[in-house]
Amino acid sequence: MKSTGIIREMDELGRIVIPIELRRSLDMTKGTNIEIFVEDDVISLRKVKDSCVFCGSDKDLVNYMDRLVCSDCIEKLKK
C-alpha cells in the first residue's frame, strides 16, 4: 500500500473527505460504492465494481429490483 501523504481530519459524525484529486483519478462520483476493510489498526477503502449478484460478472448488467444481474444469469433463471 502506497502512502499519499494526505491527512484529513474526521468530523463529529466520523466522516472524512476523500480529496478531489483521488476521486478524479479513481473515477469516483456521488453515489460510488466504497467497501471498507479493517485489519488490526489499518482501515482500507476500495471502490466497488458493479457485478452480477449471482456470478460476479461485470459484463452485460441489468438492474432488477435494485440488484445487478448479468444477461447469462437472466437466461439461466428463465429456465
Protein backbone atom coordinates (compact mmCIF):
# COMPACT_ATOMS: atom_id res chain seq x y z
CA MET A 1 0.00 0.00 0.00
CA LYS A 2 1.37 3.39 -1.03
CA SER A 3 1.03 6.47 1.18
CA THR A 4 -0.37 9.61 -0.45
CA GLY A 5 0.92 11.91 2.26
CA ILE A 6 -2.58 13.39 2.57
CA ILE A 7 -4.04 13.79 6.05
CA ARG A 8 -7.70 14.57 6.72
CA GLU A 9 -9.50 15.31 9.98
CA MET A 10 -12.57 13.28 10.87
CA ASP A 11 -15.67 15.32 11.76
CA GLU A 12 -18.02 14.76 14.72
CA LEU A 13 -20.05 12.23 12.70
CA GLY A 14 -16.98 10.18 11.79
CA ARG A 15 -16.81 11.42 8.19
CA ILE A 16 -13.72 12.24 6.18
CA VAL A 17 -13.44 13.81 2.74
CA ILE A 18 -11.61 11.92 0.02
CA PRO A 19 -9.56 14.55 -1.83
CA ILE A 20 -10.82 15.55 -5.28
CA GLU A 21 -7.52 14.50 -6.88
CA LEU A 22 -8.03 10.92 -5.68
CA ARG A 23 -11.71 10.88 -6.60
CA ARG A 24 -10.91 12.07 -10.12
CA SER A 25 -8.05 9.62 -10.62
CA LEU A 26 -10.27 6.72 -9.44
CA ASP A 27 -13.36 7.97 -11.36
CA MET A 28 -15.38 8.25 -8.16
CA THR A 29 -18.53 10.37 -8.28
CA LYS A 30 -21.51 10.88 -5.98
CA GLY A 31 -23.12 7.51 -5.37
CA THR A 32 -19.96 5.46 -5.89
CA ASN A 33 -19.99 2.49 -3.52
CA ILE A 34 -16.95 2.07 -1.26
CA GLU A 35 -16.07 -1.15 0.56
CA ILE A 36 -14.38 -0.81 3.96
CA PHE A 37 -11.79 -3.30 5.23
CA VAL A 38 -10.18 -3.42 8.67
CA GLU A 39 -7.05 -5.34 9.62
CA ASP A 40 -5.51 -4.68 13.02
CA ASP A 41 -5.31 -0.86 13.16
CA VAL A 42 -5.47 -0.29 9.38
CA ILE A 43 -8.66 0.86 7.62
CA SER A 44 -8.66 0.39 3.84
CA LEU A 45 -11.20 1.69 1.34
CA ARG A 46 -11.87 0.14 -2.07
CA LYS A 47 -14.11 1.31 -4.88
CA VAL A 48 -16.69 -1.40 -5.53
CA LYS A 49 -17.03 -2.57 -9.11
CA ASP A 50 -20.56 -3.26 -10.29
CA SER A 51 -21.07 -7.00 -10.72
CA CYS A 52 -23.77 -9.65 -11.03
CA VAL A 53 -25.30 -10.60 -7.68
CA PHE A 54 -25.19 -14.29 -8.69
CA CYS A 55 -21.93 -14.93 -10.55
CA GLY A 56 -19.85 -11.78 -10.05
CA SER A 57 -19.55 -10.98 -13.76
CA ASP A 58 -19.21 -7.32 -14.73
CA LYS A 59 -20.50 -7.81 -18.30
CA ASP A 60 -23.98 -7.00 -19.66
CA LEU A 61 -25.52 -5.97 -16.32
CA VAL A 62 -29.20 -5.20 -15.90
CA ASN A 63 -30.74 -3.61 -12.81
CA TYR A 64 -33.54 -5.82 -11.47
CA MET A 65 -35.25 -4.83 -8.21
CA ASP A 66 -32.20 -2.77 -7.14
CA ARG A 67 -29.83 -5.70 -7.83
CA LEU A 68 -27.47 -6.14 -10.78
CA VAL A 69 -27.85 -9.33 -12.80
CA CYS A 70 -25.87 -10.29 -15.92
CA SER A 71 -27.56 -11.46 -19.12
CA ASP A 72 -26.18 -15.00 -18.72
CA CYS A 73 -27.76 -15.38 -15.27
CA ILE A 74 -31.02 -13.91 -16.55
CA GLU A 75 -31.10 -16.62 -19.23
CA LYS A 76 -30.36 -19.33 -16.63
CA LEU A 77 -33.14 -18.00 -14.38
CA LYS A 78 -35.64 -18.15 -17.25
CA LYS A 79 -35.18 -21.96 -17.46
